[in-house]
Amino acid sequence: MTASNIKFSGFSLAKGKELTGDDFYDVRTIGDLTVAIVCDGVGSATEGAAAAKRTTSHLMNNFKIRPKSWSIEKSIKSFIESINSILYQESQINYESSELVTTLAMVVIQGNRLYGANVGDSRVYLFRDQKLNQLSYDHAMDEEGFENVLTQAIGISKDVEPFYFENLIEKDDKILLCSDGLYNVLDEQLLTQTITLGNAHTLVKKASKLEEDKLPDDTTAVVVEILQADEYSTLRRQKLEIPQSLKKDQEIDGYKLIKPLIQNERTWLVHKKTKDYVVKFAPFEAIDDESVLDLFVKEAWNAKRLKADFFPKAVIPKTRTMRYYVMQLFKGEDLDAYLTHKQLTIDDSIELASTLLKMSQFLLKYDLVHGDIKPPNIMIAKDDDENLEFKIIDFGSITEIFSTDTKAGTPSFLAPERFLGESISETTEVFAIGATLYLALTGKYPYGEIEPFQTPSFKEAKAPSFYNKNIPNWLDSVILRSIARDKEERYAHYSEMSYELTHPEKVKPYFVKDAPLIEKSPHIFYKRAFMIMTFINFILIYLLLK
């Protein structure tokens, strides 16, 4: 969910007439995440206030550098365990008892999903349809007279078990995080009445007013308001027909179907008014299979939001009556068809590689990868100056980087580690780019054509110049490095390959680890051979003269 769809507020007051308290809070937007945290330093502990501040900072800082392969749930639980261990051990060393102790309530919002956890009695509420629902769980004794005795807190013991929860969020939802100082003064009815029209400041000031500005405890509130539903969620909830069959000359929302463009007859060339377009309909299986529907909705959403020169323009009509999206018609042929009658020039192949790398770097800003880079997904045509122009298609293959469960990709363009179940990454995408270049310049697959369900052997690939003598040595090395079987020898990042493509003079010759010396460095090989032969000749002369 974008920052413009969310509004947040936070406010805290110390108890009584004190200037500072033991509570601490923070709310930030980190990439596509919104993270909100409230900590209530335990007053009976010597360093409660420090614990609250350090816990908040630790969690925020770790979310900034969160491994992208980690789920939100794993991140929340791991970071909580980490700070708990740090505070507990530090307390035992410095005080020989638990003095760095705090409660915690936190939420993370990504897209239309709310992830949260709490430790102790700080709470998280969801306000929806005029009702306030507690999402968190109080880690406190339930015996009368012991309600304020915590059963868990950050830093109180060696191990911690946070209460974890998830929920879907909707437009006009409000998420309230607060310390016990707030809900001990404002009961659920007053909380509901106040949050309806107010924010965090309103809630805390209301509590203070009821206590005549002498709050019995530090009081903190954070309110996160959902101003607009996530676009993906809105698209997903739309009740739209998925046509079971489509026929030529059929008209849908003013689009006249001319002819199907692929065999499954779900992608059509259409005509509306004076222009031709491409319309892609949801698969027939999406009628009964929620997972297929989810994939198509994500595909349409990506097609609409990912706007760049290397993608065809796409729109989702607001008044559509069926589940489809519309794309710009790019007049040309795909690279696969082009290669059947012509080969790319060196300059055109470099332009192709640059386009694919720019596209990949663009997607990386969204934590995405294309997932299925190959000639059939590259459209090719000539611009006004007769130069080749490339467009990348197939929004359906686009997936999250570091995903391990994606089925995106075509066997002949998959890096060896993908066959072993490793996650999709920059370096696996670099492999696909390199394999595409290799095929475009030589007409050959670097490791042979790999069929689905085949277990490839990945024997050493021949240099592309073996098949195409026009390929310069530096480009040979770039391509071989991009398709290296060992990912440690391959480019790890798009930027590395992009730099070498634009700086041929900086490219070092590429050799596989076990390549013989005569192949790696003929000069050194012959120099050593000459020295050895000279030495042998001296020995022979000595023996003859003896």
Protein backbone atom coordinates (compact mmCIF):
# COMPACT_ATOMS: atom_id res chain seq x y z
CA MET A 1 0.00 0.00 0.00
CA THR A 2 1.38 3.41 -0.95
CA ALA A 3 2.08 6.09 1.65
CA SER A 4 -0.64 8.29 0.12
CA ASN A 5 -3.24 5.68 1.09
CA ILE A 6 -2.29 5.81 4.76
CA LYS A 7 -2.40 8.55 7.39
CA PHE A 8 -0.91 8.12 10.82
CA SER A 9 -0.62 10.06 14.08
CA GLY A 10 1.08 9.50 17.41
CA PHE A 11 1.00 11.24 20.78
CA SER A 12 2.31 10.57 24.30
CA LEU A 13 1.99 12.18 27.71
CA ALA A 14 3.95 11.39 30.86
CA LYS A 15 2.06 10.60 34.06
CA GLY A 16 1.18 13.29 36.59
CA LYS A 17 3.27 16.41 36.19
CA GLU A 18 6.39 14.65 34.97
CA LEU A 19 8.09 15.96 31.83
CA THR A 20 9.24 12.62 30.46
CA GLY A 21 7.87 9.14 30.72
CA ASP A 22 8.84 5.54 30.04
CA ASP A 23 6.76 5.12 26.84
CA PHE A 24 8.18 5.38 23.34
CA TYR A 25 6.60 5.15 19.88
CA ASP A 26 7.48 5.50 16.21
CA VAL A 27 5.68 5.18 12.86
CA ARG A 28 7.51 5.05 9.53
CA THR A 29 7.11 4.13 5.90
CA ILE A 30 9.89 1.76 4.82
CA GLY A 31 9.64 0.90 1.13
CA ASP A 32 6.20 -0.64 0.62
CA LEU A 33 5.78 -1.22 4.37
CA THR A 34 4.22 0.95 7.07
CA VAL A 35 5.62 0.04 10.50
CA ALA A 36 4.07 1.32 13.75
CA ILE A 37 5.44 0.55 17.22
CA VAL A 38 4.44 1.41 20.79
CA CYS A 39 6.61 0.39 23.76
CA ASP A 40 5.84 0.93 27.43
CA GLY A 41 8.96 0.74 29.58
CA VAL A 42 8.19 -1.20 32.75
CA GLY A 43 8.23 1.31 35.62
CA SER A 44 9.43 -1.18 38.22
CA ALA A 45 12.58 -1.77 36.16
CA THR A 46 15.55 0.59 36.50
CA GLU A 47 15.99 1.05 32.73
CA GLY A 48 12.40 0.76 31.47
CA ALA A 49 12.51 3.98 29.43
CA ALA A 50 15.81 2.99 27.78
CA ALA A 51 14.41 -0.45 26.97
CA ALA A 52 11.34 1.08 25.30
CA LYS A 53 13.42 3.39 23.14
CA ARG A 54 16.00 0.74 22.22
CA THR A 55 13.36 -1.85 21.33
CA THR A 56 11.59 0.61 19.03
CA SER A 57 14.83 1.67 17.34
CA HIS A 58 16.04 -1.91 16.97
CA LEU A 59 12.85 -3.04 15.26
CA MET A 60 12.71 -0.04 12.92
CA ASN A 61 16.37 -0.30 11.94
CA ASN A 62 16.09 -4.02 11.25
CA PHE A 63 13.05 -3.53 9.03
CA LYS A 64 15.12 -1.10 6.97
CA ILE A 65 17.65 -3.84 6.24
CA ARG A 66 15.27 -6.81 6.33
CA PRO A 67 16.39 -9.64 4.02
CA LYS A 68 13.91 -9.57 1.13
CA SER A 69 13.68 -13.34 1.20
CA TRP A 70 12.21 -13.17 4.73
CA SER A 71 8.45 -13.12 5.21
CA ILE A 72 6.93 -10.38 7.37
CA GLU A 73 6.05 -12.97 10.02
CA LYS A 74 9.61 -14.29 10.17
CA SER A 75 10.97 -10.75 10.31
CA ILE A 76 8.71 -9.68 13.19
CA LYS A 77 9.41 -12.77 15.29
CA SER A 78 13.15 -12.81 14.58
CA PHE A 79 13.66 -9.11 15.36
CA ILE A 80 11.66 -9.40 18.60
CA GLU A 81 13.71 -12.42 19.70
CA SER A 82 16.89 -10.52 18.83
CA ILE A 83 16.18 -7.42 20.94
CA ASN A 84 14.85 -9.55 23.79
CA SER A 85 18.12 -11.49 23.90
CA ILE A 86 20.20 -8.29 23.74
CA LEU A 87 18.35 -6.55 26.58
CA TYR A 88 18.16 -9.64 28.78
CA GLN A 89 21.87 -10.45 28.51
CA GLU A 90 22.89 -6.83 29.01
CA SER A 91 20.72 -6.62 32.15
CA GLN A 92 22.26 -9.77 33.62
CA ILE A 93 25.79 -8.49 32.99
CA ASN A 94 25.21 -4.95 34.30
CA TYR A 95 22.57 -5.48 37.01
CA GLU A 96 22.42 -9.26 37.63
CA SER A 97 18.65 -8.88 37.23
CA SER A 98 16.18 -7.88 34.50
CA GLU A 99 16.18 -4.07 34.46
CA LEU A 100 15.91 -3.36 30.70
CA VAL A 101 12.26 -4.35 30.40
CA THR A 102 9.43 -3.06 28.20
CA THR A 103 6.13 -4.12 26.68
CA LEU A 104 5.63 -3.99 22.92
CA ALA A 105 2.79 -3.56 20.44
CA MET A 106 3.60 -3.36 16.74
CA VAL A 107 1.98 -3.64 13.32
CA VAL A 108 3.35 -3.87 9.79
CA ILE A 109 1.11 -3.02 6.82
CA GLN A 110 1.92 -4.32 3.36
CA GLY A 111 -0.65 -4.07 0.61
CA ASN A 112 -4.04 -5.01 2.03
CA ARG A 113 -2.63 -7.10 4.87
CA LEU A 114 -1.94 -6.20 8.49
CA TYR A 115 0.74 -8.15 10.37
CA GLY A 116 1.15 -7.60 14.09
CA ALA A 117 2.57 -8.82 17.38
CA ASN A 118 2.60 -7.85 21.01
CA VAL A 119 4.50 -8.76 24.16
CA GLY A 120 3.07 -7.66 27.50
CA ASP A 121 -0.09 -5.62 27.92
CA SER A 122 0.32 -2.89 25.28
CA ARG A 123 -2.53 -3.36 22.83
CA VAL A 124 -3.51 -3.27 19.16
CA TYR A 125 -7.12 -2.55 18.17
CA LEU A 126 -8.87 -2.55 14.78
CA PHE A 127 -11.68 -0.01 14.41
CA ARG A 128 -14.08 -0.92 11.61
CA ASP A 129 -17.78 -0.20 11.00
CA GLN A 130 -18.03 1.67 14.30
CA LYS A 131 -16.76 -1.34 16.24
CA LEU A 132 -13.49 -1.66 18.13
CA ASN A 133 -11.87 -5.10 18.14
CA GLN A 134 -8.78 -6.02 20.13
CA LEU A 135 -6.30 -7.93 17.93
CA SER A 136 -3.55 -8.33 20.51
CA TYR A 137 -3.43 -10.51 23.61
CA ASP A 138 -2.62 -9.26 27.12
CA HIS A 139 0.31 -11.13 28.66
CA ALA A 140 -0.87 -10.40 32.20
CA MET A 141 -2.20 -12.42 35.12
CA ASP A 142 -5.96 -12.79 35.12
CA GLU A 143 -6.35 -13.20 38.88
CA GLU A 144 -8.16 -10.42 40.72
CA GLY A 145 -5.70 -7.97 42.19
CA PHE A 146 -2.86 -9.11 39.91
CA GLU A 147 -4.14 -7.71 36.60
CA ASN A 148 -1.06 -5.49 36.20
CA VAL A 149 1.43 -8.29 36.75
CA LEU A 150 2.99 -9.17 33.41
CA THR A 151 3.56 -12.77 32.36
CA GLN A 152 5.75 -11.68 29.44
CA ALA A 153 7.76 -8.61 28.46
CA ILE A 154 10.76 -7.77 26.30
CA GLY A 155 13.98 -8.30 28.32
CA ILE A 156 12.39 -9.98 31.32
CA SER A 157 13.61 -13.49 30.57
CA LYS A 158 15.94 -15.33 28.23
CA ASP A 159 13.14 -16.41 25.88
CA VAL A 160 10.11 -14.54 24.59
CA GLU A 161 6.95 -15.73 22.85
CA PRO A 162 5.23 -12.81 21.11
CA PHE A 163 1.52 -13.07 20.30
CA TYR A 164 1.37 -12.90 16.50
CA PHE A 165 -1.67 -12.07 14.36
CA GLU A 166 -2.68 -11.12 10.81
CA ASN A 167 -5.73 -9.48 9.32
CA LEU A 168 -6.99 -7.97 6.07
CA ILE A 169 -7.53 -4.23 6.09
CA GLU A 170 -10.13 -2.16 4.27
CA LYS A 171 -10.81 1.44 3.36
CA ASP A 172 -11.70 3.60 6.42
CA ASP A 173 -10.16 1.14 8.90
CA LYS A 174 -8.27 2.61 11.85
CA ILE A 175 -5.57 0.68 13.70
CA LEU A 176 -4.91 1.80 17.26
CA LEU A 177 -1.74 0.91 19.18
CA CYS A 178 -1.60 2.04 22.80
CA SER A 179 -0.01 1.53 26.19
CA ASP A 180 -2.11 0.42 29.17
CA GLY A 181 -2.18 4.01 30.37
CA LEU A 182 -4.79 4.76 27.68
CA TYR A 183 -7.22 1.84 27.99
CA ASN A 184 -7.07 1.90 31.81
CA VAL A 185 -8.60 5.40 31.67
CA LEU A 186 -10.75 5.12 28.54
CA ASP A 187 -12.89 1.99 28.55
CA GLU A 188 -13.86 0.34 25.26
CA GLN A 189 -16.96 2.49 24.85
CA LEU A 190 -15.02 5.73 25.34
CA LEU A 191 -12.22 4.51 23.06
CA THR A 192 -14.80 3.78 20.35
CA GLN A 193 -16.52 7.14 20.70
CA THR A 194 -13.24 9.08 20.67
CA ILE A 195 -11.48 7.29 17.82
CA THR A 196 -14.54 7.69 15.57
CA LEU A 197 -13.81 11.35 15.01
CA GLY A 198 -10.30 11.75 16.39
CA ASN A 199 -6.68 10.69 16.11
CA ALA A 200 -3.92 9.75 18.57
CA HIS A 201 -3.73 13.26 20.00
CA THR A 202 -7.50 13.32 20.60
CA LEU A 203 -7.41 9.99 22.44
CA VAL A 204 -4.54 10.85 24.80
CA LYS A 205 -5.90 14.35 25.52
CA LYS A 206 -9.33 12.84 26.27
CA ALA A 207 -7.75 10.52 28.84
CA SER A 208 -5.78 13.39 30.34
CA LYS A 209 -8.90 15.54 30.61
CA LEU A 210 -10.79 12.80 32.45
CA GLU A 211 -7.93 12.63 34.97
CA GLU A 212 -7.80 16.43 35.29
CA ASP A 213 -4.41 16.49 33.53
CA LYS A 214 -2.87 14.19 36.13
CA LEU A 215 -2.61 10.91 34.30
CA PRO A 216 -1.91 7.97 36.66
CA ASP A 217 0.42 6.37 34.10
CA ASP A 218 2.38 7.28 30.99
CA THR A 219 -0.11 7.27 28.14
CA THR A 220 0.65 6.71 24.46
CA ALA A 221 -1.41 6.17 21.32
CA VAL A 222 -0.65 5.65 17.64
CA VAL A 223 -3.46 5.66 15.09
CA VAL A 224 -3.01 4.42 11.51
CA GLU A 225 -5.87 5.35 9.18
CA ILE A 226 -6.52 3.54 5.89
CA LEU A 227 -7.66 6.28 3.51
CA GLN A 228 -7.89 4.15 0.40
CA ALA A 229 -7.95 0.41 -0.14
CA ASP A 230 -4.94 -1.12 -1.84
CA GLU A 231 -5.55 -1.14 -5.61
CA TYR A 232 -4.81 -4.84 -5.89
CA SER A 233 -7.42 -5.59 -3.22
CA THR A 234 -9.97 -3.39 -4.99
CA LEU A 235 -9.38 -5.21 -8.27
CA ARG A 236 -9.57 -8.58 -6.53
CA ARG A 237 -12.95 -7.83 -4.92
CA GLN A 238 -14.62 -6.71 -8.14
CA LYS A 239 -17.48 -9.01 -9.17
CA LEU A 240 -16.75 -9.54 -12.85
CA GLU A 241 -17.72 -12.24 -15.29
CA ILE A 242 -15.02 -14.55 -16.66
CA PRO A 243 -16.14 -15.68 -20.12
CA GLN A 244 -16.00 -19.43 -20.67
CA SER A 245 -15.56 -19.06 -24.43
CA LEU A 246 -14.76 -16.25 -26.84
CA LYS A 247 -15.62 -15.99 -30.53
CA LYS A 248 -14.50 -13.93 -33.49
CA ASP A 249 -16.62 -10.78 -34.06
CA GLN A 250 -17.93 -10.96 -30.48
CA GLU A 251 -18.16 -7.46 -28.93
CA ILE A 252 -17.28 -6.84 -25.29
CA ASP A 253 -17.51 -3.33 -23.84
CA GLY A 254 -17.04 -1.88 -27.32
CA TYR A 255 -14.03 -4.06 -28.17
CA LYS A 256 -14.65 -6.24 -31.24
CA LEU A 257 -12.70 -9.51 -31.20
CA ILE A 258 -10.72 -9.92 -34.43
CA LYS A 259 -8.55 -13.01 -33.87
CA PRO A 260 -6.86 -14.92 -31.03
CA LEU A 261 -3.12 -14.30 -30.69
CA ILE A 262 -2.17 -17.43 -28.76
CA GLN A 263 -3.50 -20.98 -28.75
CA ASN A 264 -5.49 -20.84 -25.52
CA GLU A 265 -7.66 -18.12 -27.10
CA ARG A 266 -7.56 -15.86 -24.01
CA THR A 267 -5.45 -13.14 -25.68
CA TRP A 268 -7.12 -11.39 -28.64
CA LEU A 269 -6.44 -8.74 -31.23
CA VAL A 270 -9.41 -6.38 -30.90
CA HIS A 271 -10.73 -3.27 -32.61
CA LYS A 272 -12.44 -0.28 -30.99
CA LYS A 273 -13.43 2.83 -32.89
CA THR A 274 -10.42 3.45 -35.14
CA LYS A 275 -7.69 1.60 -33.26
CA ASP A 276 -6.47 -1.92 -32.68
CA TYR A 277 -5.50 -3.21 -29.23
CA VAL A 278 -4.61 -6.46 -27.47
CA VAL A 279 -7.00 -7.71 -24.80
CA LYS A 280 -6.08 -10.46 -22.36
CA PHE A 281 -8.89 -12.25 -20.52
CA ALA A 282 -8.62 -14.16 -17.24
CA PRO A 283 -8.07 -17.91 -17.73
CA PHE A 284 -11.18 -20.07 -17.74
CA GLU A 285 -9.75 -21.93 -14.70
CA ALA A 286 -10.00 -18.71 -12.65
CA ILE A 287 -13.76 -19.28 -12.35
CA ASP A 288 -13.24 -22.10 -9.84
CA ASP A 289 -9.61 -21.73 -8.78
CA GLU A 290 -8.90 -18.80 -6.44
CA SER A 291 -5.14 -19.12 -6.88
CA VAL A 292 -5.44 -18.77 -10.68
CA LEU A 293 -7.67 -15.72 -10.19
CA ASP A 294 -5.14 -14.18 -7.79
CA LEU A 295 -2.35 -14.62 -10.32
CA PHE A 296 -4.37 -12.96 -13.09
CA VAL A 297 -5.40 -10.03 -10.88
CA LYS A 298 -1.75 -9.50 -9.95
CA GLU A 299 -0.78 -9.71 -13.63
CA ALA A 300 -3.37 -7.07 -14.62
CA TRP A 301 -2.33 -4.86 -11.70
CA ASN A 302 1.35 -5.08 -12.67
CA ALA A 303 0.53 -4.37 -16.33
CA LYS A 304 -1.32 -1.21 -15.31
CA ARG A 305 1.14 0.16 -12.74
CA LEU A 306 4.50 -0.70 -14.34
CA LYS A 307 4.85 2.17 -16.79
CA ALA A 308 8.10 2.30 -18.76
CA ASP A 309 9.22 2.53 -22.39
CA PHE A 310 10.26 -1.13 -22.53
CA PHE A 311 6.74 -2.36 -21.64
CA PRO A 312 3.61 -2.02 -23.80
CA LYS A 313 1.14 0.46 -22.31
CA ALA A 314 -1.73 -1.21 -20.48
CA VAL A 315 -5.01 -0.11 -18.90
CA ILE A 316 -7.82 -1.67 -16.89
CA PRO A 317 -11.07 -0.05 -18.12
CA LYS A 318 -13.11 1.32 -15.21
CA THR A 319 -16.39 0.33 -16.83
CA ARG A 320 -15.42 -3.22 -17.88
CA THR A 321 -18.05 -5.91 -17.44
CA MET A 322 -15.65 -8.85 -17.68
CA ARG A 323 -12.28 -9.65 -16.13
CA TYR A 324 -9.64 -8.53 -18.67
CA TYR A 325 -7.10 -5.80 -19.31
CA VAL A 326 -6.13 -3.92 -22.48
CA MET A 327 -2.65 -3.46 -23.93
CA GLN A 328 -1.12 -1.32 -26.65
CA LEU A 329 -0.69 -3.22 -29.94
CA PHE A 330 3.00 -3.33 -30.79
CA LYS A 331 3.34 -3.91 -34.52
CA GLY A 332 6.24 -6.23 -35.09
CA GLU A 333 7.23 -9.82 -34.36
CA ASP A 334 8.70 -11.53 -31.38
CA LEU A 335 12.43 -12.13 -31.29
CA ASP A 336 11.92 -15.88 -31.55
CA ALA A 337 10.18 -15.47 -34.93
CA TYR A 338 12.70 -12.81 -36.05
CA LEU A 339 15.60 -15.19 -35.45
CA THR A 340 14.13 -17.76 -37.83
CA HIS A 341 15.03 -15.57 -40.79
CA LYS A 342 17.65 -13.16 -39.48
CA GLN A 343 20.39 -12.85 -36.87
CA LEU A 344 20.93 -9.87 -34.58
CA THR A 345 23.91 -7.66 -35.32
CA ILE A 346 26.46 -7.03 -32.58
CA ASP A 347 25.12 -3.49 -32.05
CA ASP A 348 21.52 -4.69 -31.90
CA SER A 349 22.40 -7.43 -29.44
CA ILE A 350 24.09 -4.88 -27.15
CA GLU A 351 20.97 -2.71 -27.38
CA LEU A 352 18.82 -5.74 -26.53
CA ALA A 353 20.97 -6.55 -23.49
CA SER A 354 20.80 -2.92 -22.33
CA THR A 355 17.01 -2.91 -22.67
CA LEU A 356 16.66 -6.14 -20.69
CA LEU A 357 18.97 -4.85 -17.96
CA LYS A 358 17.15 -1.50 -17.73
CA MET A 359 13.84 -3.36 -17.49
CA SER A 360 15.24 -5.61 -14.75
CA GLN A 361 16.62 -2.65 -12.77
CA PHE A 362 13.26 -0.90 -13.09
CA LEU A 363 11.42 -3.93 -11.68
CA LEU A 364 13.93 -4.18 -8.85
CA LYS A 365 12.58 -0.88 -7.47
CA TYR A 366 9.33 -2.76 -6.84
CA ASP A 367 11.15 -5.85 -5.46
CA LEU A 368 10.11 -7.70 -8.62
CA VAL A 369 11.75 -9.74 -11.38
CA HIS A 370 10.40 -10.58 -14.84
CA GLY A 371 10.86 -14.29 -14.27
CA ASP A 372 10.65 -15.47 -17.89
CA ILE A 373 13.14 -13.57 -20.05
CA LYS A 374 13.39 -15.33 -23.43
CA PRO A 375 13.04 -14.44 -27.16
CA PRO A 376 9.26 -15.18 -27.40
CA ASN A 377 8.66 -12.54 -24.70
CA ILE A 378 10.60 -9.84 -26.56
CA MET A 379 8.80 -7.93 -29.30
CA ILE A 380 10.93 -6.39 -32.03
CA ALA A 381 10.21 -3.71 -34.64
CA LYS A 382 11.92 -0.80 -36.37
CA ASP A 383 11.56 2.80 -35.24
CA ASP A 384 11.35 5.84 -37.56
CA ASP A 385 15.13 5.77 -38.07
CA GLU A 386 15.10 2.07 -39.04
CA ASN A 387 16.75 1.09 -35.73
CA LEU A 388 15.48 -1.99 -33.92
CA GLU A 389 13.20 -1.31 -30.96
CA PHE A 390 12.46 -3.85 -28.23
CA LYS A 391 9.44 -4.28 -25.93
CA ILE A 392 9.21 -6.89 -23.19
CA ILE A 393 5.88 -8.66 -22.74
CA ASP A 394 4.28 -11.29 -20.44
CA PHE A 395 3.25 -9.51 -17.25
CA GLY A 396 2.01 -12.86 -16.01
CA SER A 397 5.52 -14.11 -15.25
CA ILE A 398 6.49 -11.10 -13.09
CA THR A 399 7.04 -12.21 -9.51
CA GLU A 400 8.64 -11.12 -6.24
CA ILE A 401 12.42 -11.29 -6.08
CA PHE A 402 13.79 -14.10 -3.88
CA SER A 403 10.59 -16.07 -4.30
CA THR A 404 11.18 -19.83 -3.97
CA ASP A 405 7.71 -21.07 -4.87
CA THR A 406 7.40 -19.35 -8.25
CA LYS A 407 6.97 -21.48 -11.37
CA ALA A 408 8.09 -18.62 -13.61
CA GLY A 409 10.68 -19.37 -16.25
CA THR A 410 11.44 -21.59 -19.22
CA PRO A 411 13.89 -24.50 -18.68
CA SER A 412 16.43 -23.52 -21.38
CA PHE A 413 16.81 -20.08 -19.76
CA LEU A 414 16.87 -21.14 -16.09
CA ALA A 415 20.10 -20.88 -14.10
CA PRO A 416 21.37 -24.24 -12.75
CA GLU A 417 20.50 -23.32 -9.15
CA ARG A 418 16.84 -22.80 -10.07
CA PHE A 419 16.61 -26.54 -10.83
CA LEU A 420 17.77 -27.15 -7.24
CA GLY A 421 14.96 -25.07 -5.76
CA GLU A 422 16.95 -21.90 -5.03
CA SER A 423 15.16 -18.56 -5.08
CA ILE A 424 14.84 -16.34 -8.13
CA SER A 425 17.27 -13.42 -7.91
CA GLU A 426 19.26 -10.85 -9.86
CA THR A 427 21.90 -13.42 -10.77
CA THR A 428 19.33 -15.96 -12.04
CA GLU A 429 17.77 -13.21 -14.17
CA VAL A 430 21.24 -12.29 -15.46
CA PHE A 431 21.60 -15.91 -16.57
CA ALA A 432 18.34 -15.65 -18.56
CA ILE A 433 19.54 -12.42 -20.18
CA GLY A 434 22.86 -14.06 -21.10
CA ALA A 435 21.15 -17.18 -22.49
CA THR A 436 18.87 -14.94 -24.59
CA LEU A 437 21.89 -13.03 -25.98
CA TYR A 438 23.71 -16.28 -26.70
CA LEU A 439 20.75 -17.63 -28.66
CA ALA A 440 20.18 -14.34 -30.49
CA LEU A 441 23.80 -14.19 -31.68
CA THR A 442 24.47 -17.86 -32.39
CA GLY A 443 21.14 -19.58 -32.97
CA LYS A 444 22.20 -22.07 -30.27
CA TYR A 445 21.24 -22.62 -26.63
CA PRO A 446 24.35 -22.33 -24.41
CA TYR A 447 23.65 -25.66 -22.69
CA GLY A 448 21.42 -27.21 -25.32
CA GLU A 449 17.64 -27.00 -25.42
CA ILE A 450 16.21 -28.22 -22.11
CA GLU A 451 12.78 -29.83 -22.12
CA PRO A 452 10.31 -29.55 -19.22
CA PHE A 453 10.91 -32.18 -16.50
CA GLN A 454 14.37 -32.88 -17.93
CA THR A 455 17.34 -32.97 -15.55
CA PRO A 456 20.01 -30.91 -17.35
CA SER A 457 23.72 -31.74 -17.11
CA PHE A 458 25.10 -28.22 -17.84
CA LYS A 459 28.33 -29.24 -19.57
CA GLU A 460 30.70 -26.39 -20.33
CA ALA A 461 29.25 -23.95 -22.89
CA LYS A 462 31.28 -23.08 -25.96
CA ALA A 463 32.21 -19.43 -26.41
CA PRO A 464 29.55 -17.72 -28.59
CA SER A 465 32.32 -16.63 -30.97
CA PHE A 466 32.81 -20.33 -31.80
CA TYR A 467 29.54 -20.06 -33.77
CA ASN A 468 29.67 -16.37 -34.69
CA LYS A 469 33.13 -15.03 -35.59
CA ASN A 470 31.83 -11.44 -35.56
CA ILE A 471 31.50 -11.43 -31.76
CA PRO A 472 34.36 -9.43 -30.21
CA ASN A 473 36.38 -10.95 -27.37
CA TRP A 474 35.01 -8.56 -24.75
CA LEU A 475 31.36 -9.43 -25.58
CA ASP A 476 32.33 -13.12 -25.55
CA SER A 477 33.51 -12.67 -21.97
CA VAL A 478 30.40 -10.72 -20.91
CA ILE A 479 28.07 -13.41 -22.24
CA LEU A 480 30.11 -16.30 -20.79
CA ARG A 481 30.26 -14.60 -17.39
CA SER A 482 26.48 -14.03 -17.43
CA ILE A 483 25.76 -17.73 -18.13
CA ALA A 484 28.40 -19.19 -15.82
CA ARG A 485 27.26 -22.48 -14.30
CA ASP A 486 28.70 -21.47 -10.93
CA LYS A 487 26.74 -18.48 -9.63
CA GLU A 488 29.86 -17.30 -7.77
CA GLU A 489 31.48 -16.66 -11.17
CA ARG A 490 28.37 -14.97 -12.59
CA TYR A 491 27.40 -11.31 -12.31
CA ALA A 492 25.65 -10.93 -8.95
CA HIS A 493 23.86 -7.70 -9.91
CA TYR A 494 22.39 -6.14 -13.04
CA SER A 495 24.58 -3.07 -12.56
CA GLU A 496 27.77 -5.14 -12.94
CA MET A 497 26.75 -6.52 -16.32
CA SER A 498 25.40 -3.15 -17.43
CA TYR A 499 28.72 -1.45 -16.57
CA GLU A 500 30.76 -3.92 -18.61
CA LEU A 501 28.41 -3.63 -21.60
CA THR A 502 29.01 0.12 -21.67
CA HIS A 503 32.76 -0.10 -20.85
CA PRO A 504 34.21 -2.79 -23.17
CA GLU A 505 37.74 -1.66 -22.38
CA LYS A 506 37.19 -2.63 -18.70
CA VAL A 507 36.08 -6.19 -19.44
CA LYS A 508 38.52 -8.85 -18.25
CA PRO A 509 38.76 -12.11 -20.23
CA TYR A 510 36.50 -14.77 -18.77
CA PHE A 511 37.72 -18.30 -18.13
CA VAL A 512 36.09 -21.07 -16.14
CA LYS A 513 37.83 -22.08 -12.92
CA ASP A 514 39.35 -25.30 -14.28
CA ALA A 515 40.31 -23.99 -17.71
CA PRO A 516 43.90 -24.98 -18.71
CA LEU A 517 46.61 -22.33 -18.52
CA ILE A 518 47.08 -22.29 -22.31
CA GLU A 519 43.45 -21.16 -22.58
CA LYS A 520 43.53 -18.68 -19.68
CA SER A 521 46.85 -17.05 -20.57
CA PRO A 522 48.69 -18.29 -23.67
CA HIS A 523 51.49 -15.75 -23.08
CA ILE A 524 52.31 -17.13 -19.61
CA PHE A 525 51.92 -20.73 -20.84
CA TYR A 526 54.41 -20.29 -23.68
CA LYS A 527 56.78 -18.28 -21.50
CA ARG A 528 56.88 -21.08 -18.93
CA ALA A 529 57.17 -23.71 -21.67
CA PHE A 530 60.13 -21.82 -23.16
CA MET A 531 61.88 -21.63 -19.76
CA ILE A 532 61.33 -25.36 -19.16
CA MET A 533 62.59 -26.28 -22.63
CA THR A 534 65.63 -24.02 -22.18
CA PHE A 535 66.42 -25.69 -18.86
CA ILE A 536 66.08 -29.16 -20.40
CA ASN A 537 68.37 -28.16 -23.28
CA PHE A 538 71.01 -26.95 -20.83
CA ILE A 539 70.85 -30.30 -19.02
CA LEU A 540 71.18 -32.20 -22.28
CA ILE A 541 74.16 -30.10 -23.43
CA TYR A 542 75.81 -30.60 -20.04
CA LEU A 543 75.36 -34.36 -20.25
CA LEU A 544 76.74 -34.48 -23.82
CA LEU A 545 79.86 -32.49 -22.91
CA LYS A 546 80.54 -34.40 -19.73
